[in-house]
């Protein structure tokens, strides 16, 4: 099962909503652990006590329970910063995406690790170079087609006279292609997280919360 990225976001909400983000993210992390999910990373955007958003990257365990949490969450709490008749409802959103769900090889790259290419993951096929260059180039199987099995990306190299040299060039080109693809995916993921962060829907909450006497989140029935 691919890792899952859970985003808890206040959108453009005030500090009270951002404080709710910190509380709910911590609550979610504890719940994930209780369900046997392994926490791979936590990314906090903003002050720890009042972040604009928190992202949890988790994997494994039982995940079916989590779908009930997706959507808008509401906190009922009077703010000490505001007057007695002021607003007492604060809204934040919870969303989730699979990490690289369509390409498992890029899971590490999406977790901000550099993609590594190994010759053991590459199939090499020798072919005739063809093209201009005289009889030697046309009759010797010095060209190489290299295919990266985990992703299916392929490159053909015939620039060098020896098959060994062409294999080396093919590996380097595959590495460049994979690094660019990983960077493109990371940019796409970041744009998607920013979009979800900005699309908080206030109202129609999937869950409503309050603060108990110990200062912890408690879900309203």
N, C-alpha and C. Protein backbone atom coordinates (compact mmCIF):
# COMPACT_ATOMS: atom_id res chain seq x y z
N UNK A 1 0.85 -1.20 0.00
CA UNK A 1 0.00 0.00 0.00
C UNK A 1 0.88 1.24 0.00
N UNK A 2 0.59 2.19 -0.89
CA UNK A 2 1.38 3.41 -0.97
C UNK A 2 1.15 4.28 0.26
N UNK A 3 2.16 5.06 0.65
CA UNK A 3 1.96 6.01 1.75
C UNK A 3 0.84 6.99 1.43
N UNK A 4 0.24 7.53 2.45
CA UNK A 4 -0.85 8.49 2.30
C UNK A 4 -0.46 9.79 2.99
N UNK A 5 -0.73 10.91 2.32
CA UNK A 5 -0.46 12.23 2.88
C UNK A 5 -1.77 12.84 3.36
N UNK A 6 -1.86 13.12 4.64
CA UNK A 6 -3.05 13.72 5.25
C UNK A 6 -2.76 15.19 5.52
N UNK A 7 -3.59 16.06 5.01
CA UNK A 7 -3.42 17.49 5.23
C UNK A 7 -4.54 18.03 6.12
N UNK A 8 -4.14 18.72 7.18
CA UNK A 8 -5.08 19.41 8.06
C UNK A 8 -4.82 20.90 7.87
N UNK A 9 -5.81 21.65 7.40
CA UNK A 9 -5.57 23.02 6.96
C UNK A 9 -6.62 23.99 7.48
N UNK A 10 -6.15 25.19 7.83
CA UNK A 10 -7.04 26.28 8.23
C UNK A 10 -7.36 27.20 7.07
N UNK A 11 -6.81 26.93 5.89
CA UNK A 11 -7.02 27.85 4.78
C UNK A 11 -6.47 29.22 5.13
N UNK A 12 -7.31 30.23 4.97
CA UNK A 12 -6.91 31.60 5.35
C UNK A 12 -7.54 31.99 6.68
N UNK A 13 -7.90 31.00 7.49
CA UNK A 13 -8.59 31.26 8.76
C UNK A 13 -7.73 31.97 9.79
N UNK A 14 -8.35 32.48 10.84
CA UNK A 14 -7.65 33.24 11.88
C UNK A 14 -6.85 32.32 12.81
N UNK A 15 -6.20 32.92 13.79
CA UNK A 15 -5.32 32.17 14.68
C UNK A 15 -6.08 31.09 15.43
N UNK A 16 -7.36 31.32 15.76
CA UNK A 16 -8.14 30.30 16.47
C UNK A 16 -8.28 29.03 15.61
N UNK A 17 -8.49 29.22 14.31
CA UNK A 17 -8.59 28.06 13.41
C UNK A 17 -7.24 27.37 13.30
N UNK A 18 -6.16 28.15 13.27
CA UNK A 18 -4.83 27.55 13.17
C UNK A 18 -4.47 26.77 14.44
N UNK A 19 -4.91 27.25 15.59
CA UNK A 19 -4.69 26.49 16.83
C UNK A 19 -5.46 25.17 16.79
N UNK A 20 -6.64 25.22 16.19
CA UNK A 20 -7.44 24.01 16.00
C UNK A 20 -6.69 23.02 15.11
N UNK A 21 -6.01 23.51 14.06
CA UNK A 21 -5.21 22.66 13.18
C UNK A 21 -4.18 21.88 13.98
N UNK A 22 -3.45 22.56 14.87
CA UNK A 22 -2.41 21.90 15.67
C UNK A 22 -3.02 20.80 16.54
N UNK A 23 -4.15 21.10 17.17
CA UNK A 23 -4.80 20.13 18.05
C UNK A 23 -5.31 18.92 17.26
N UNK A 24 -5.98 19.17 16.14
CA UNK A 24 -6.55 18.07 15.38
C UNK A 24 -5.46 17.21 14.72
N UNK A 25 -4.40 17.85 14.25
CA UNK A 25 -3.31 17.09 13.64
C UNK A 25 -2.67 16.15 14.67
N UNK A 26 -2.46 16.64 15.90
CA UNK A 26 -1.91 15.78 16.95
C UNK A 26 -2.88 14.65 17.29
N UNK A 27 -4.16 14.97 17.32
CA UNK A 27 -5.18 13.96 17.59
C UNK A 27 -5.19 12.89 16.49
N UNK A 28 -5.09 13.33 15.26
CA UNK A 28 -5.06 12.41 14.13
C UNK A 28 -3.82 11.51 14.16
N UNK A 29 -2.68 12.09 14.49
CA UNK A 29 -1.45 11.31 14.56
C UNK A 29 -1.57 10.20 15.59
N UNK A 30 -2.16 10.51 16.74
CA UNK A 30 -2.36 9.50 17.78
C UNK A 30 -3.33 8.42 17.31
N UNK A 31 -4.38 8.84 16.61
CA UNK A 31 -5.37 7.88 16.12
C UNK A 31 -4.76 6.96 15.07
N UNK A 32 -3.92 7.53 14.20
CA UNK A 32 -3.25 6.72 13.18
C UNK A 32 -2.38 5.65 13.84
N UNK A 33 -1.64 6.04 14.88
CA UNK A 33 -0.79 5.08 15.59
C UNK A 33 -1.62 3.98 16.22
N UNK A 34 -2.78 4.36 16.77
CA UNK A 34 -3.65 3.36 17.40
C UNK A 34 -4.20 2.37 16.37
N UNK A 35 -4.29 2.79 15.12
CA UNK A 35 -4.79 1.92 14.05
C UNK A 35 -3.66 1.16 13.34
N UNK A 36 -2.45 1.23 13.90
CA UNK A 36 -1.33 0.50 13.34
C UNK A 36 -0.65 1.16 12.17
N UNK A 37 -0.92 2.43 11.92
CA UNK A 37 -0.31 3.15 10.80
C UNK A 37 1.02 3.76 11.26
N UNK A 38 2.01 3.69 10.39
CA UNK A 38 3.33 4.20 10.72
C UNK A 38 3.47 5.64 10.22
N UNK A 39 3.88 6.54 11.11
CA UNK A 39 4.05 7.95 10.76
C UNK A 39 5.44 8.14 10.14
N UNK A 40 5.48 8.48 8.85
CA UNK A 40 6.74 8.63 8.13
C UNK A 40 7.30 10.04 8.24
N UNK A 41 6.42 11.03 8.25
CA UNK A 41 6.88 12.42 8.27
C UNK A 41 5.76 13.33 8.73
N UNK A 42 6.15 14.45 9.34
CA UNK A 42 5.21 15.51 9.72
C UNK A 42 5.77 16.82 9.18
N UNK A 43 4.99 17.54 8.39
CA UNK A 43 5.40 18.82 7.85
C UNK A 43 4.45 19.89 8.38
N UNK A 44 5.00 20.82 9.15
CA UNK A 44 4.22 21.89 9.76
C UNK A 44 4.51 23.19 9.04
N UNK A 45 3.45 23.85 8.57
CA UNK A 45 3.61 25.09 7.82
C UNK A 45 3.13 26.25 8.71
N UNK A 46 4.09 26.91 9.34
CA UNK A 46 3.76 27.98 10.26
C UNK A 46 4.18 27.63 11.68
N UNK A 47 3.88 28.50 12.64
CA UNK A 47 4.24 28.23 14.04
C UNK A 47 3.65 26.91 14.52
N UNK A 48 4.39 26.19 15.33
CA UNK A 48 3.95 24.87 15.75
C UNK A 48 2.63 24.91 16.50
N UNK A 49 2.41 25.94 17.31
CA UNK A 49 1.19 26.02 18.11
C UNK A 49 0.00 26.52 17.30
N UNK A 50 0.26 27.17 16.16
CA UNK A 50 -0.84 27.71 15.35
C UNK A 50 -0.44 27.71 13.88
N UNK A 51 -0.25 26.54 13.28
CA UNK A 51 0.17 26.48 11.88
C UNK A 51 -0.99 26.67 10.92
N UNK A 52 -0.68 27.15 9.73
CA UNK A 52 -1.71 27.25 8.69
C UNK A 52 -2.14 25.87 8.23
N UNK A 53 -1.19 24.92 8.22
CA UNK A 53 -1.53 23.55 7.87
C UNK A 53 -0.47 22.61 8.42
N UNK A 54 -0.88 21.35 8.58
CA UNK A 54 0.03 20.29 8.99
C UNK A 54 -0.22 19.10 8.07
N UNK A 55 0.85 18.48 7.59
CA UNK A 55 0.74 17.32 6.73
C UNK A 55 1.38 16.11 7.40
N UNK A 56 0.63 15.02 7.47
CA UNK A 56 1.11 13.77 8.04
C UNK A 56 1.26 12.76 6.91
N UNK A 57 2.42 12.15 6.79
CA UNK A 57 2.63 11.09 5.80
C UNK A 57 2.65 9.77 6.55
N UNK A 58 1.70 8.89 6.26
CA UNK A 58 1.54 7.64 6.99
C UNK A 58 1.45 6.48 6.02
N UNK A 59 1.73 5.27 6.51
CA UNK A 59 1.56 4.09 5.68
C UNK A 59 1.20 2.90 6.56
N UNK A 60 0.65 1.87 5.91
CA UNK A 60 0.32 0.64 6.60
C UNK A 60 -0.90 0.76 7.49
N UNK A 61 -1.14 -0.29 8.27
CA UNK A 61 -2.24 -0.29 9.22
C UNK A 61 -3.60 -0.34 8.56
N UNK A 62 -4.61 -0.13 9.38
CA UNK A 62 -5.99 -0.13 8.89
C UNK A 62 -6.39 1.30 8.56
N UNK A 63 -6.75 1.56 7.31
CA UNK A 63 -7.00 2.93 6.88
C UNK A 63 -8.46 3.22 6.53
N UNK A 64 -9.32 2.20 6.53
CA UNK A 64 -10.71 2.43 6.11
C UNK A 64 -11.42 3.43 7.02
N UNK A 65 -11.06 3.46 8.31
CA UNK A 65 -11.72 4.35 9.26
C UNK A 65 -11.57 5.82 8.87
N UNK A 66 -10.48 6.11 8.14
CA UNK A 66 -10.10 7.50 7.94
C UNK A 66 -11.04 8.27 7.01
N UNK A 67 -11.75 7.58 6.13
CA UNK A 67 -12.57 8.28 5.15
C UNK A 67 -13.67 9.11 5.80
N UNK A 68 -14.12 8.70 6.99
CA UNK A 68 -15.14 9.48 7.69
C UNK A 68 -14.62 10.83 8.16
N UNK A 69 -13.30 10.99 8.20
CA UNK A 69 -12.70 12.23 8.69
C UNK A 69 -12.50 13.27 7.60
N UNK A 70 -12.62 12.89 6.36
CA UNK A 70 -12.35 13.81 5.27
C UNK A 70 -13.46 14.85 5.15
N UNK A 71 -13.06 16.12 5.04
CA UNK A 71 -14.03 17.20 4.93
C UNK A 71 -13.78 18.28 5.96
N UNK A 72 -14.81 19.05 6.26
CA UNK A 72 -14.70 20.18 7.18
C UNK A 72 -14.94 19.73 8.62
N UNK A 73 -14.10 20.24 9.53
CA UNK A 73 -14.24 19.99 10.96
C UNK A 73 -14.52 21.32 11.66
N UNK A 74 -15.39 21.26 12.66
CA UNK A 74 -15.82 22.47 13.36
C UNK A 74 -15.44 22.37 14.84
N UNK A 75 -14.89 23.45 15.36
CA UNK A 75 -14.58 23.53 16.79
C UNK A 75 -15.50 24.57 17.43
N UNK A 76 -16.19 24.16 18.51
CA UNK A 76 -17.02 25.10 19.28
C UNK A 76 -16.21 25.58 20.47
N UNK A 77 -15.78 26.83 20.41
CA UNK A 77 -14.92 27.34 21.48
C UNK A 77 -14.92 28.86 21.44
N UNK A 78 -15.22 29.46 22.58
CA UNK A 78 -15.12 30.91 22.69
C UNK A 78 -13.65 31.30 22.74
N UNK A 79 -13.32 32.40 22.07
CA UNK A 79 -11.93 32.84 22.03
C UNK A 79 -11.66 33.88 23.11
N UNK A 80 -10.61 33.69 23.92
CA UNK A 80 -10.28 34.71 24.92
C UNK A 80 -9.80 36.01 24.30
N UNK A 81 -9.48 35.98 23.01
CA UNK A 81 -8.99 37.18 22.33
C UNK A 81 -10.13 38.09 21.88
N UNK A 82 -11.37 37.57 21.95
CA UNK A 82 -12.50 38.30 21.39
C UNK A 82 -13.57 38.54 22.46
N UNK A 83 -14.52 39.37 22.14
CA UNK A 83 -15.56 39.72 23.10
C UNK A 83 -16.51 38.56 23.38
N UNK A 84 -17.35 38.74 24.37
CA UNK A 84 -18.26 37.69 24.82
C UNK A 84 -19.24 37.27 23.73
N UNK A 85 -19.65 38.21 22.89
CA UNK A 85 -20.63 37.91 21.84
C UNK A 85 -19.98 37.57 20.50
N UNK A 86 -18.68 37.36 20.51
CA UNK A 86 -17.97 37.14 19.25
C UNK A 86 -18.18 35.71 18.75
N UNK A 87 -17.63 35.46 17.60
CA UNK A 87 -17.73 34.15 16.94
C UNK A 87 -17.17 33.03 17.81
N UNK A 88 -17.84 31.88 17.81
CA UNK A 88 -17.42 30.74 18.62
C UNK A 88 -17.29 29.46 17.78
N UNK A 89 -17.37 29.58 16.48
CA UNK A 89 -17.24 28.42 15.59
C UNK A 89 -16.04 28.61 14.68
N UNK A 90 -15.15 27.61 14.67
CA UNK A 90 -13.91 27.69 13.89
C UNK A 90 -13.83 26.47 12.98
N UNK A 91 -13.51 26.71 11.72
CA UNK A 91 -13.56 25.63 10.73
C UNK A 91 -12.18 25.36 10.13
N UNK A 92 -11.87 24.08 9.97
CA UNK A 92 -10.67 23.66 9.27
C UNK A 92 -11.02 22.46 8.40
N UNK A 93 -10.11 22.07 7.50
CA UNK A 93 -10.39 20.97 6.58
C UNK A 93 -9.37 19.85 6.71
N UNK A 94 -9.81 18.64 6.44
CA UNK A 94 -8.94 17.47 6.40
C UNK A 94 -9.09 16.83 5.02
N UNK A 95 -7.97 16.60 4.36
CA UNK A 95 -7.98 15.97 3.05
C UNK A 95 -6.83 14.97 2.99
N UNK A 96 -6.84 14.11 1.99
CA UNK A 96 -5.79 13.09 1.88
C UNK A 96 -5.55 12.73 0.43
N UNK A 97 -4.31 12.40 0.12
CA UNK A 97 -3.94 11.90 -1.20
C UNK A 97 -2.97 10.75 -1.01
N UNK A 98 -2.98 9.83 -1.96
CA UNK A 98 -1.99 8.76 -1.95
C UNK A 98 -0.68 9.30 -2.49
N UNK A 99 0.40 8.93 -1.84
CA UNK A 99 1.71 9.33 -2.32
C UNK A 99 2.06 8.53 -3.56
N UNK A 100 2.15 9.23 -4.69
CA UNK A 100 2.57 8.59 -5.94
C UNK A 100 1.76 7.34 -6.23
N UNK A 101 0.48 7.43 -6.15
CA UNK A 101 -0.37 6.25 -6.28
C UNK A 101 -0.23 5.58 -7.64
N UNK A 102 0.12 6.34 -8.69
CA UNK A 102 0.21 5.76 -10.02
C UNK A 102 1.60 5.28 -10.37
N UNK A 103 2.58 5.49 -9.50
CA UNK A 103 3.95 5.11 -9.81
C UNK A 103 4.71 4.88 -8.52
N UNK A 104 4.73 3.64 -8.04
CA UNK A 104 5.29 3.34 -6.73
C UNK A 104 6.77 3.67 -6.65
N UNK A 105 7.50 3.62 -7.77
CA UNK A 105 8.93 3.86 -7.71
C UNK A 105 9.24 5.27 -7.24
N UNK A 106 8.31 6.21 -7.45
CA UNK A 106 8.56 7.60 -7.09
C UNK A 106 8.17 7.93 -5.65
N UNK A 107 7.82 6.94 -4.84
CA UNK A 107 7.39 7.22 -3.47
C UNK A 107 8.47 7.96 -2.69
N UNK A 108 9.72 7.52 -2.81
CA UNK A 108 10.81 8.19 -2.11
C UNK A 108 10.99 9.61 -2.60
N UNK A 109 10.90 9.81 -3.92
CA UNK A 109 11.06 11.16 -4.46
C UNK A 109 9.98 12.08 -3.95
N UNK A 110 8.75 11.59 -3.84
CA UNK A 110 7.65 12.42 -3.35
C UNK A 110 7.80 12.73 -1.87
N UNK A 111 8.56 11.93 -1.14
CA UNK A 111 8.85 12.23 0.26
C UNK A 111 10.11 13.06 0.37
N UNK A 112 10.47 13.73 -0.75
CA UNK A 112 11.60 14.65 -0.79
C UNK A 112 12.95 13.94 -0.66
N UNK A 113 13.02 12.70 -1.10
CA UNK A 113 14.29 12.01 -1.18
C UNK A 113 14.70 11.93 -2.65
N UNK A 114 16.00 12.02 -2.91
CA UNK A 114 16.46 11.99 -4.30
C UNK A 114 16.24 10.61 -4.90
N UNK A 115 15.68 10.53 -6.10
CA UNK A 115 15.50 9.22 -6.73
C UNK A 115 16.85 8.61 -7.08
N UNK A 116 17.03 7.34 -6.79
CA UNK A 116 18.28 6.65 -7.10
C UNK A 116 18.00 5.63 -8.19
N UNK A 117 18.92 5.52 -9.15
CA UNK A 117 18.77 4.55 -10.21
C UNK A 117 19.86 3.50 -10.07
N UNK A 118 19.49 2.26 -10.20
CA UNK A 118 20.42 1.15 -10.09
C UNK A 118 20.44 0.39 -11.40
N UNK A 119 21.65 -0.04 -11.83
CA UNK A 119 21.76 -0.82 -13.05
C UNK A 119 20.97 -2.13 -12.94
N UNK A 120 20.77 -2.60 -11.70
CA UNK A 120 20.01 -3.84 -11.51
C UNK A 120 18.55 -3.67 -11.88
N UNK A 121 18.06 -2.43 -11.92
CA UNK A 121 16.66 -2.15 -12.29
C UNK A 121 16.50 -1.85 -13.77
N UNK A 122 17.59 -1.97 -14.53
CA UNK A 122 17.56 -1.57 -15.94
C UNK A 122 17.84 -2.79 -16.83
N UNK A 123 16.99 -2.96 -17.84
CA UNK A 123 17.21 -3.99 -18.86
C UNK A 123 17.94 -3.36 -20.04
N UNK A 124 19.04 -3.96 -20.46
CA UNK A 124 19.82 -3.46 -21.60
C UNK A 124 19.64 -4.41 -22.78
N UNK A 125 19.40 -3.82 -23.92
CA UNK A 125 19.28 -4.60 -25.15
C UNK A 125 20.21 -4.01 -26.20
N UNK A 126 21.13 -4.83 -26.69
CA UNK A 126 22.06 -4.37 -27.71
C UNK A 126 21.38 -4.37 -29.07
N UNK A 127 21.59 -3.32 -29.85
CA UNK A 127 21.03 -3.21 -31.19
C UNK A 127 22.10 -2.66 -32.13
N UNK A 128 21.86 -2.81 -33.40
CA UNK A 128 22.79 -2.23 -34.37
C UNK A 128 22.62 -0.72 -34.38
N UNK A 129 23.75 -0.05 -34.43
CA UNK A 129 23.71 1.41 -34.34
C UNK A 129 22.99 2.01 -35.53
N UNK A 130 23.29 1.56 -36.74
CA UNK A 130 22.62 2.11 -37.92
C UNK A 130 23.04 3.53 -38.19
N UNK A 131 22.50 4.11 -39.23
CA UNK A 131 22.79 5.50 -39.55
C UNK A 131 24.16 5.67 -40.18
N UNK A 132 24.60 6.92 -40.38
CA UNK A 132 25.88 7.18 -41.03
C UNK A 132 27.03 6.76 -40.14
N UNK A 133 28.19 6.55 -40.75
CA UNK A 133 29.36 6.21 -39.96
C UNK A 133 30.15 5.09 -40.54
N UNK A 134 29.74 4.56 -41.65
CA UNK A 134 30.54 3.54 -42.30
C UNK A 134 30.15 2.14 -41.90
N UNK A 135 30.87 1.19 -42.47
CA UNK A 135 30.53 -0.22 -42.28
C UNK A 135 30.63 -0.66 -40.83
N UNK A 136 31.63 -0.15 -40.08
CA UNK A 136 31.82 -0.59 -38.69
C UNK A 136 30.60 -0.25 -37.83
N UNK A 137 30.11 0.97 -37.98
CA UNK A 137 28.96 1.40 -37.19
C UNK A 137 27.72 0.60 -37.57
N UNK A 138 27.53 0.30 -38.82
CA UNK A 138 26.31 -0.34 -39.28
C UNK A 138 26.24 -1.82 -38.97
N UNK A 139 27.39 -2.48 -38.82
CA UNK A 139 27.37 -3.94 -38.64
C UNK A 139 27.64 -4.38 -37.22
N UNK A 140 28.03 -3.48 -36.32
CA UNK A 140 28.34 -3.84 -34.94
C UNK A 140 27.18 -3.50 -34.03
N UNK A 141 26.80 -4.46 -33.15
CA UNK A 141 25.68 -4.23 -32.22
C UNK A 141 26.17 -3.43 -31.03
N UNK A 142 26.54 -2.17 -31.28
CA UNK A 142 27.10 -1.32 -30.22
C UNK A 142 26.06 -0.42 -29.58
N UNK A 143 24.96 -0.16 -30.28
CA UNK A 143 23.91 0.68 -29.71
C UNK A 143 23.20 -0.07 -28.57
N UNK A 144 22.61 0.70 -27.66
CA UNK A 144 21.98 0.11 -26.48
C UNK A 144 20.61 0.74 -26.26
N UNK A 145 19.62 -0.10 -26.01
CA UNK A 145 18.34 0.39 -25.53
C UNK A 145 18.23 -0.01 -24.05
N UNK A 146 18.04 1.00 -23.20
CA UNK A 146 17.97 0.78 -21.75
C UNK A 146 16.56 1.08 -21.27
N UNK A 147 15.95 0.14 -20.56
CA UNK A 147 14.58 0.30 -20.05
C UNK A 147 14.59 0.16 -18.54
N UNK A 148 14.07 1.18 -17.86
CA UNK A 148 13.98 1.15 -16.39
C UNK A 148 12.69 0.42 -16.02
N UNK A 149 12.83 -0.80 -15.50
CA UNK A 149 11.67 -1.66 -15.26
C UNK A 149 10.63 -1.04 -14.33
N UNK A 150 11.02 -0.42 -13.19
CA UNK A 150 9.98 0.10 -12.27
C UNK A 150 9.08 1.15 -12.88
N UNK A 151 9.58 1.93 -13.85
CA UNK A 151 8.77 3.02 -14.42
C UNK A 151 8.44 2.83 -15.88
N UNK A 152 9.16 1.95 -16.58
CA UNK A 152 8.91 1.74 -18.00
C UNK A 152 9.59 2.75 -18.91
N UNK A 153 10.31 3.72 -18.35
CA UNK A 153 11.01 4.70 -19.17
C UNK A 153 12.13 4.01 -19.94
N UNK A 154 12.34 4.45 -21.19
CA UNK A 154 13.31 3.80 -22.06
C UNK A 154 14.10 4.84 -22.83
N UNK A 155 15.37 4.52 -23.11
CA UNK A 155 16.22 5.41 -23.89
C UNK A 155 17.12 4.57 -24.79
N UNK A 156 17.38 5.06 -25.98
CA UNK A 156 18.30 4.38 -26.90
C UNK A 156 19.50 5.25 -27.12
N UNK A 157 20.70 4.69 -27.02
CA UNK A 157 21.95 5.44 -27.16
C UNK A 157 22.83 4.73 -28.18
N UNK A 158 23.31 5.49 -29.16
CA UNK A 158 24.20 4.93 -30.18
C UNK A 158 25.36 5.88 -30.47
N UNK A 159 25.60 6.83 -29.58
CA UNK A 159 26.60 7.87 -29.84
C UNK A 159 28.02 7.36 -29.77
N UNK A 160 28.27 6.36 -28.92
CA UNK A 160 29.62 5.85 -28.72
C UNK A 160 29.85 4.60 -29.55
N UNK A 161 31.12 4.28 -29.80
CA UNK A 161 31.45 3.11 -30.61
C UNK A 161 31.30 1.81 -29.84
N UNK A 162 31.53 1.84 -28.53
CA UNK A 162 31.48 0.60 -27.75
C UNK A 162 30.16 0.47 -27.02
N UNK A 163 29.71 -0.77 -26.87
CA UNK A 163 28.47 -1.03 -26.15
C UNK A 163 28.60 -0.60 -24.68
N UNK A 164 29.77 -0.85 -24.10
CA UNK A 164 29.98 -0.48 -22.70
C UNK A 164 29.80 1.03 -22.49
N UNK A 165 30.38 1.81 -23.40
CA UNK A 165 30.26 3.27 -23.28
C UNK A 165 28.81 3.71 -23.46
N UNK A 166 28.10 3.08 -24.40
CA UNK A 166 26.70 3.43 -24.62
C UNK A 166 25.83 3.06 -23.42
N UNK A 167 26.15 1.95 -22.74
CA UNK A 167 25.42 1.58 -21.52
C UNK A 167 25.59 2.66 -20.46
N UNK A 168 26.83 3.14 -20.32
CA UNK A 168 27.10 4.18 -19.32
C UNK A 168 26.33 5.45 -19.63
N UNK A 169 26.31 5.85 -20.90
CA UNK A 169 25.57 7.06 -21.30
C UNK A 169 24.07 6.85 -21.09
N UNK A 170 23.57 5.65 -21.41
CA UNK A 170 22.15 5.36 -21.26
C UNK A 170 21.72 5.46 -19.80
N UNK A 171 22.55 4.93 -18.89
CA UNK A 171 22.23 5.04 -17.46
C UNK A 171 22.17 6.49 -17.02
N UNK A 172 23.12 7.29 -17.50
CA UNK A 172 23.14 8.70 -17.11
C UNK A 172 21.90 9.42 -17.63
N UNK A 173 21.50 9.12 -18.87
CA UNK A 173 20.31 9.78 -19.43
C UNK A 173 19.04 9.34 -18.71
N UNK A 174 18.95 8.05 -18.39
CA UNK A 174 17.79 7.58 -17.62
C UNK A 174 17.73 8.29 -16.27
N UNK A 175 18.88 8.45 -15.63
CA UNK A 175 18.91 9.15 -14.35
C UNK A 175 18.40 10.57 -14.47
N UNK A 176 18.78 11.26 -15.56
CA UNK A 176 18.31 12.63 -15.77
C UNK A 176 16.80 12.66 -16.00
N UNK A 177 16.31 11.72 -16.80
CA UNK A 177 14.87 11.65 -17.09
C UNK A 177 14.07 11.38 -15.82
N UNK A 178 14.56 10.45 -14.99
CA UNK A 178 13.84 10.10 -13.77
C UNK A 178 13.88 11.23 -12.76
N UNK A 179 15.02 11.91 -12.67
CA UNK A 179 15.12 13.04 -11.75
C UNK A 179 14.16 14.16 -12.15
N UNK A 180 14.06 14.43 -13.47
CA UNK A 180 13.13 15.46 -13.94
C UNK A 180 11.69 15.05 -13.69
N UNK A 181 11.40 13.77 -13.91
CA UNK A 181 10.03 13.29 -13.68
C UNK A 181 9.67 13.39 -12.21
N UNK A 182 10.63 13.05 -11.34
CA UNK A 182 10.36 13.17 -9.91
C UNK A 182 10.15 14.62 -9.50
N UNK A 183 10.95 15.54 -10.07
CA UNK A 183 10.78 16.96 -9.76
C UNK A 183 9.43 17.46 -10.25
N UNK A 184 9.00 17.02 -11.44
CA UNK A 184 7.69 17.42 -11.96
C UNK A 184 6.57 16.92 -11.05
N UNK A 185 6.71 15.68 -10.58
CA UNK A 185 5.69 15.13 -9.69
C UNK A 185 5.64 15.90 -8.37
N UNK A 186 6.82 16.23 -7.85
CA UNK A 186 6.86 16.97 -6.59
C UNK A 186 6.19 18.33 -6.75
N UNK A 187 6.45 19.01 -7.89
CA UNK A 187 5.81 20.31 -8.14
C UNK A 187 4.29 20.15 -8.27
N UNK A 188 3.86 19.10 -8.95
CA UNK A 188 2.43 18.87 -9.12
C UNK A 188 1.77 18.59 -7.77
N UNK A 189 2.43 17.79 -6.93
CA UNK A 189 1.89 17.49 -5.61
C UNK A 189 1.80 18.75 -4.76
N UNK A 190 2.82 19.61 -4.85
CA UNK A 190 2.81 20.83 -4.07
C UNK A 190 1.68 21.76 -4.50
N UNK A 191 1.46 21.87 -5.82
CA UNK A 191 0.35 22.70 -6.32
C UNK A 191 -0.99 22.15 -5.86
N UNK A 192 -1.13 20.81 -5.84
CA UNK A 192 -2.39 20.20 -5.41
C UNK A 192 -2.62 20.45 -3.93
N UNK A 193 -1.56 20.34 -3.11
CA UNK A 193 -1.73 20.60 -1.68
C UNK A 193 -2.09 22.06 -1.42
N UNK A 194 -1.49 22.97 -2.20
CA UNK A 194 -1.82 24.38 -2.05
C UNK A 194 -3.27 24.63 -2.44
N UNK A 195 -3.73 23.96 -3.50
CA UNK A 195 -5.13 24.12 -3.92
C UNK A 195 -6.07 23.65 -2.83
N UNK A 196 -5.78 22.48 -2.23
CA UNK A 196 -6.65 21.96 -1.18
C UNK A 196 -6.59 22.84 0.06
N UNK A 197 -5.42 23.41 0.34
CA UNK A 197 -5.28 24.31 1.48
C UNK A 197 -6.17 25.54 1.31
N UNK A 198 -6.31 26.00 0.07
CA UNK A 198 -7.06 27.23 -0.19
C UNK A 198 -8.55 27.00 -0.39
N UNK A 199 -9.00 25.75 -0.42
CA UNK A 199 -10.41 25.47 -0.73
C UNK A 199 -11.18 24.96 0.48
N UNK A 200 -10.90 25.52 1.62
CA UNK A 200 -11.63 25.14 2.83
C UNK A 200 -13.10 25.57 2.71
N UNK A 201 -14.00 24.62 2.94
CA UNK A 201 -15.43 24.89 2.90
C UNK A 201 -15.93 25.03 4.34
N UNK A 202 -16.40 26.20 4.69
CA UNK A 202 -16.89 26.45 6.05
C UNK A 202 -18.37 26.06 6.14
N UNK A 203 -18.71 25.32 7.18
CA UNK A 203 -20.07 24.83 7.35
C UNK A 203 -20.18 23.39 6.91
N UNK A 204 -21.32 22.77 7.22
CA UNK A 204 -21.59 21.39 6.86
C UNK A 204 -20.46 20.47 7.31
N UNK A 205 -20.10 20.58 8.58
CA UNK A 205 -18.96 19.85 9.11
C UNK A 205 -19.23 18.35 9.21
N UNK A 206 -18.20 17.54 8.92
CA UNK A 206 -18.32 16.10 9.09
C UNK A 206 -18.15 15.70 10.56
N UNK A 207 -17.45 16.55 11.33
CA UNK A 207 -17.30 16.32 12.76
C UNK A 207 -17.25 17.66 13.48
N UNK A 208 -17.78 17.66 14.70
CA UNK A 208 -17.76 18.85 15.54
C UNK A 208 -17.03 18.52 16.84
N UNK A 209 -16.20 19.46 17.28
CA UNK A 209 -15.34 19.24 18.44
C UNK A 209 -15.52 20.34 19.47
N UNK A 210 -15.11 20.02 20.68
CA UNK A 210 -15.02 21.01 21.76
C UNK A 210 -13.73 20.73 22.53
N UNK A 211 -13.40 21.61 23.44
CA UNK A 211 -12.23 21.42 24.30
C UNK A 211 -12.71 20.96 25.67
N UNK A 212 -12.18 19.83 26.14
CA UNK A 212 -12.63 19.33 27.45
C UNK A 212 -11.89 20.04 28.58
N UNK A 213 -12.15 19.64 29.80
CA UNK A 213 -11.58 20.32 30.97
C UNK A 213 -10.07 20.18 31.07
N UNK A 214 -9.53 19.16 30.39
CA UNK A 214 -8.08 18.96 30.40
C UNK A 214 -7.39 19.68 29.24
N UNK A 215 -8.17 20.41 28.46
CA UNK A 215 -7.60 21.13 27.34
C UNK A 215 -7.39 20.30 26.09
N UNK A 216 -8.00 19.10 26.05
CA UNK A 216 -7.86 18.21 24.89
C UNK A 216 -9.11 18.26 24.03
N UNK A 217 -8.96 17.86 22.77
CA UNK A 217 -10.11 17.80 21.89
C UNK A 217 -11.05 16.67 22.30
N UNK A 218 -12.34 16.95 22.26
CA UNK A 218 -13.36 15.93 22.52
C UNK A 218 -14.42 16.08 21.44
N UNK A 219 -14.78 14.97 20.85
CA UNK A 219 -15.74 15.02 19.74
C UNK A 219 -17.16 15.13 20.27
N UNK A 220 -17.93 16.00 19.64
CA UNK A 220 -19.34 16.14 19.99
C UNK A 220 -20.13 14.97 19.41
N UNK A 221 -21.08 14.44 20.13
CA UNK A 221 -21.87 13.31 19.61
C UNK A 221 -22.74 13.76 18.41
